[in-house]
Amino acid sequence: MSLDVSADLLATAETGEVSDEDFAECVRVSLPYAWQMVSGLSTRLHVEGGAFVDNTTAPETEVERGQLLRAMASDAIRGCLERYFGVKLAFQNCHRVAVFPASDGQAGMESGSYLRFTSTRAQLLNQSPELRNC
């Protein structure tokens, strides 16, 4: 399972829409490593500014790596994180997450830095033997 869903939240989902706030809380509790990474990067971006902020440190444990991969692989989780923190996320490998200002990466508004980060060239240049099985 990707998320620890409470009985109350599941009941809400079964009868209708779930608020972003409730879903974000479920993600925060279920995937604390991923939440903290995106939160920290978002804070740095909002405080320091710049084209983007990224993480280049691999997770220390497989549990942390799994949380990050689940968060980045799910459109719903990733979208919720983007809306909650007001950023656009990009992901290259098992740990290289980047946050961009929210307007970057939106249809018709792609920044040069976002396009470079998500390019096939950047993906290829970001490879190394250590990352082969991450």
C-alpha atoms as a PDB file:
ATOM      1  CA  MET A   1       0.000   0.000   0.000  1.00  0.00           C
ATOM      2  CA  SER A   2       1.137   3.505  -0.735  1.00  0.00           C
ATOM      3  CA  LEU A   3      -0.881   5.267   1.951  1.00  0.00           C
ATOM      4  CA  ASP A   4      -2.172   4.584   5.456  1.00  0.00           C
ATOM      5  CA  VAL A   5      -5.811   5.519   4.946  1.00  0.00           C
ATOM      6  CA  SER A   6      -7.965   5.971   8.027  1.00  0.00           C
ATOM      7  CA  ALA A   7     -11.458   4.471   8.142  1.00  0.00           C
ATOM      8  CA  ASP A   8     -12.925   7.992   8.234  1.00  0.00           C
ATOM      9  CA  LEU A   9     -11.006   9.118   5.153  1.00  0.00           C
ATOM     10  CA  LEU A  10     -11.957   5.943   3.300  1.00  0.00           C
ATOM     11  CA  ALA A  11     -15.632   6.505   4.198  1.00  0.00           C
ATOM     12  CA  THR A  12     -15.387  10.071   2.897  1.00  0.00           C
ATOM     13  CA  ALA A  13     -13.874   8.835  -0.375  1.00  0.00           C
ATOM     14  CA  GLU A  14     -16.593   6.219  -0.742  1.00  0.00           C
ATOM     15  CA  THR A  15     -19.327   8.855  -0.522  1.00  0.00           C
ATOM     16  CA  GLY A  16     -17.760  11.682  -2.514  1.00  0.00           C
ATOM     17  CA  GLU A  17     -14.751  13.900  -3.000  1.00  0.00           C
ATOM     18  CA  VAL A  18     -11.918  14.221  -0.479  1.00  0.00           C
ATOM     19  CA  SER A  19     -10.517  17.675   0.247  1.00  0.00           C
ATOM     20  CA  ASP A  20      -6.919  18.465  -0.640  1.00  0.00           C
ATOM     21  CA  GLU A  21      -6.302  19.244   3.035  1.00  0.00           C
ATOM     22  CA  ASP A  22      -7.472  15.793   4.142  1.00  0.00           C
ATOM     23  CA  PHE A  23      -5.544  14.040   1.396  1.00  0.00           C
ATOM     24  CA  ALA A  24      -2.414  16.085   2.151  1.00  0.00           C
ATOM     25  CA  GLU A  25      -2.621  15.046   5.813  1.00  0.00           C
ATOM     26  CA  CYS A  26      -2.882  11.398   4.773  1.00  0.00           C
ATOM     27  CA  VAL A  27       0.205  11.804   2.559  1.00  0.00           C
ATOM     28  CA  ARG A  28       2.117  13.618   5.325  1.00  0.00           C
ATOM     29  CA  VAL A  29       1.451  10.819   7.819  1.00  0.00           C
ATOM     30  CA  SER A  30       1.930   7.957   5.350  1.00  0.00           C
ATOM     31  CA  LEU A  31       5.019   9.195   3.525  1.00  0.00           C
ATOM     32  CA  PRO A  32       6.917  11.363   6.038  1.00  0.00           C
ATOM     33  CA  TYR A  33      10.279  11.186   4.253  1.00  0.00           C
ATOM     34  CA  ALA A  34       8.814  12.291   0.915  1.00  0.00           C
ATOM     35  CA  TRP A  35       6.736  14.969   2.642  1.00  0.00           C
ATOM     36  CA  GLN A  36       9.757  16.376   4.472  1.00  0.00           C
ATOM     37  CA  MET A  37      11.853  16.402   1.313  1.00  0.00           C
ATOM     38  CA  VAL A  38       9.256  18.295  -0.723  1.00  0.00           C
ATOM     39  CA  SER A  39       8.500  20.592   2.218  1.00  0.00           C
ATOM     40  CA  GLY A  40      12.168  21.435   2.753  1.00  0.00           C
ATOM     41  CA  LEU A  41      12.862  22.014  -0.925  1.00  0.00           C
ATOM     42  CA  SER A  42       9.720  24.143  -1.283  1.00  0.00           C
ATOM     43  CA  THR A  43      10.688  26.265   1.701  1.00  0.00           C
ATOM     44  CA  ARG A  44      14.165  26.806   0.269  1.00  0.00           C
ATOM     45  CA  LEU A  45      12.688  27.791  -3.102  1.00  0.00           C
ATOM     46  CA  HIS A  46      10.209  30.242  -1.560  1.00  0.00           C
ATOM     47  CA  VAL A  47      12.853  31.794   0.727  1.00  0.00           C
ATOM     48  CA  GLU A  48      15.925  31.773  -1.528  1.00  0.00           C
ATOM     49  CA  GLY A  49      14.193  32.155  -4.887  1.00  0.00           C
ATOM     50  CA  GLY A  50      15.926  31.066  -8.054  1.00  0.00           C
ATOM     51  CA  ALA A  51      14.952  28.920 -10.993  1.00  0.00           C
ATOM     52  CA  PHE A  52      14.682  25.718  -8.919  1.00  0.00           C
ATOM     53  CA  VAL A  53      15.944  23.836  -5.874  1.00  0.00           C
ATOM     54  CA  ASP A  54      16.814  20.147  -5.948  1.00  0.00           C
ATOM     55  CA  ASN A  55      17.935  17.281  -3.770  1.00  0.00           C
ATOM     56  CA  THR A  56      21.055  15.317  -4.692  1.00  0.00           C
ATOM     57  CA  THR A  57      21.411  13.197  -1.545  1.00  0.00           C
ATOM     58  CA  ALA A  58      20.206   9.624  -1.752  1.00  0.00           C
ATOM     59  CA  PRO A  59      17.796   8.355   0.907  1.00  0.00           C
ATOM     60  CA  GLU A  60      19.531   6.544   3.755  1.00  0.00           C
ATOM     61  CA  THR A  61      17.131   3.596   3.842  1.00  0.00           C
ATOM     62  CA  GLU A  62      15.025   1.565   1.452  1.00  0.00           C
ATOM     63  CA  VAL A  63      11.933   2.670   3.388  1.00  0.00           C
ATOM     64  CA  GLU A  64      12.760   6.305   2.623  1.00  0.00           C
ATOM     65  CA  ARG A  65      13.510   5.492  -1.020  1.00  0.00           C
ATOM     66  CA  GLY A  66      10.196   3.652  -1.303  1.00  0.00           C
ATOM     67  CA  GLN A  67       8.269   6.579   0.148  1.00  0.00           C
ATOM     68  CA  LEU A  68       9.854   8.985  -2.309  1.00  0.00           C
ATOM     69  CA  LEU A  69       9.228   6.705  -5.267  1.00  0.00           C
ATOM     70  CA  ARG A  70       5.576   6.199  -4.270  1.00  0.00           C
ATOM     71  CA  ALA A  71       5.043   9.948  -3.919  1.00  0.00           C
ATOM     72  CA  MET A  72       6.614  10.763  -7.271  1.00  0.00           C
ATOM     73  CA  ALA A  73       4.980   7.864  -9.143  1.00  0.00           C
ATOM     74  CA  SER A  74       1.408   8.691  -8.149  1.00  0.00           C
ATOM     75  CA  ASP A  75      -0.226  11.502 -10.109  1.00  0.00           C
ATOM     76  CA  ALA A  76      -2.691  12.104  -7.264  1.00  0.00           C
ATOM     77  CA  ILE A  77      -0.020  12.277  -4.547  1.00  0.00           C
ATOM     78  CA  ARG A  78       2.361  14.334  -6.646  1.00  0.00           C
ATOM     79  CA  GLY A  79      -0.407  16.731  -7.688  1.00  0.00           C
ATOM     80  CA  CYS A  80      -1.507  17.160  -4.086  1.00  0.00           C
ATOM     81  CA  LEU A  81       2.080  17.946  -3.023  1.00  0.00           C
ATOM     82  CA  GLU A  82       2.381  20.489  -5.830  1.00  0.00           C
ATOM     83  CA  ARG A  83      -0.842  22.243  -4.871  1.00  0.00           C
ATOM     84  CA  TYR A  84      -0.134  22.136  -1.137  1.00  0.00           C
ATOM     85  CA  PHE A  85       3.375  23.589  -1.421  1.00  0.00           C
ATOM     86  CA  GLY A  86       2.697  25.819  -4.441  1.00  0.00           C
ATOM     87  CA  VAL A  87       5.425  24.292  -6.609  1.00  0.00           C
ATOM     88  CA  LYS A  88       5.949  22.193  -9.721  1.00  0.00           C
ATOM     89  CA  LEU A  89       7.815  18.919  -9.040  1.00  0.00           C
ATOM     90  CA  ALA A  90      10.240  17.171 -11.340  1.00  0.00           C
ATOM     91  CA  PHE A  91      11.935  13.828 -10.715  1.00  0.00           C
ATOM     92  CA  GLN A  92      14.980  12.258 -12.379  1.00  0.00           C
ATOM     93  CA  ASN A  93      15.930   9.185 -10.365  1.00  0.00           C
ATOM     94  CA  CYS A  94      15.540   7.477  -7.013  1.00  0.00           C
ATOM     95  CA  HIS A  95      16.336  10.687  -5.144  1.00  0.00           C
ATOM     96  CA  ARG A  96      16.803  13.692  -7.433  1.00  0.00           C
ATOM     97  CA  VAL A  97      13.658  15.677  -6.836  1.00  0.00           C
ATOM     98  CA  ALA A  98      13.464  19.311  -7.893  1.00  0.00           C
ATOM     99  CA  VAL A  99      10.904  21.987  -7.133  1.00  0.00           C
ATOM    100  CA  PHE A 100      10.182  24.844  -9.508  1.00  0.00           C
ATOM    101  CA  PRO A 101       8.000  27.918  -9.039  1.00  0.00           C
ATOM    102  CA  ALA A 102       4.375  26.898  -9.563  1.00  0.00           C
ATOM    103  CA  SER A 103       3.980  28.722 -12.882  1.00  0.00           C
ATOM    104  CA  ASP A 104       6.974  26.855 -14.326  1.00  0.00           C
ATOM    105  CA  GLY A 105       6.117  23.659 -16.119  1.00  0.00           C
ATOM    106  CA  GLN A 106       2.479  24.530 -16.622  1.00  0.00           C
ATOM    107  CA  ALA A 107       1.173  24.150 -20.152  1.00  0.00           C
ATOM    108  CA  GLY A 108       2.457  27.002 -22.304  1.00  0.00           C
ATOM    109  CA  MET A 109       4.576  28.386 -19.452  1.00  0.00           C
ATOM    110  CA  GLU A 110       7.552  26.004 -19.304  1.00  0.00           C
ATOM    111  CA  SER A 111      10.716  27.691 -18.072  1.00  0.00           C
ATOM    112  CA  GLY A 112      14.073  26.969 -19.602  1.00  0.00           C
ATOM    113  CA  SER A 113      15.314  25.477 -16.333  1.00  0.00           C
ATOM    114  CA  TYR A 114      12.309  23.135 -16.078  1.00  0.00           C
ATOM    115  CA  LEU A 115      12.696  22.005 -19.688  1.00  0.00           C
ATOM    116  CA  ARG A 116      16.418  21.389 -19.200  1.00  0.00           C
ATOM    117  CA  PHE A 117      15.855  19.425 -15.958  1.00  0.00           C
ATOM    118  CA  THR A 118      13.195  17.204 -17.534  1.00  0.00           C
ATOM    119  CA  SER A 119      14.983  16.720 -20.852  1.00  0.00           C
ATOM    120  CA  THR A 120      16.237  13.380 -22.115  1.00  0.00           C
ATOM    121  CA  ARG A 121      19.741  14.878 -22.152  1.00  0.00           C
ATOM    122  CA  ALA A 122      19.567  15.748 -18.440  1.00  0.00           C
ATOM    123  CA  GLN A 123      18.226  12.287 -17.664  1.00  0.00           C
ATOM    124  CA  LEU A 124      21.114  10.648 -19.483  1.00  0.00           C
ATOM    125  CA  LEU A 125      23.716  12.939 -17.912  1.00  0.00           C
ATOM    126  CA  ASN A 126      22.316  12.190 -14.446  1.00  0.00           C
ATOM    127  CA  GLN A 127      23.066   8.458 -14.730  1.00  0.00           C
ATOM    128  CA  SER A 128      25.814   6.626 -12.911  1.00  0.00           C
ATOM    129  CA  PRO A 129      26.546   2.982 -12.063  1.00  0.00           C
ATOM    130  CA  GLU A 130      25.544   3.627  -8.420  1.00  0.00           C
ATOM    131  CA  LEU A 131      22.046   4.613  -9.528  1.00  0.00           C
ATOM    132  CA  ARG A 132      21.513   1.598 -11.769  1.00  0.00           C
ATOM    133  CA  ASN A 133      19.473  -0.336  -9.185  1.00  0.00           C
ATOM    134  CA  CYS A 134      18.271   2.426  -6.928  1.00  0.00           C
END
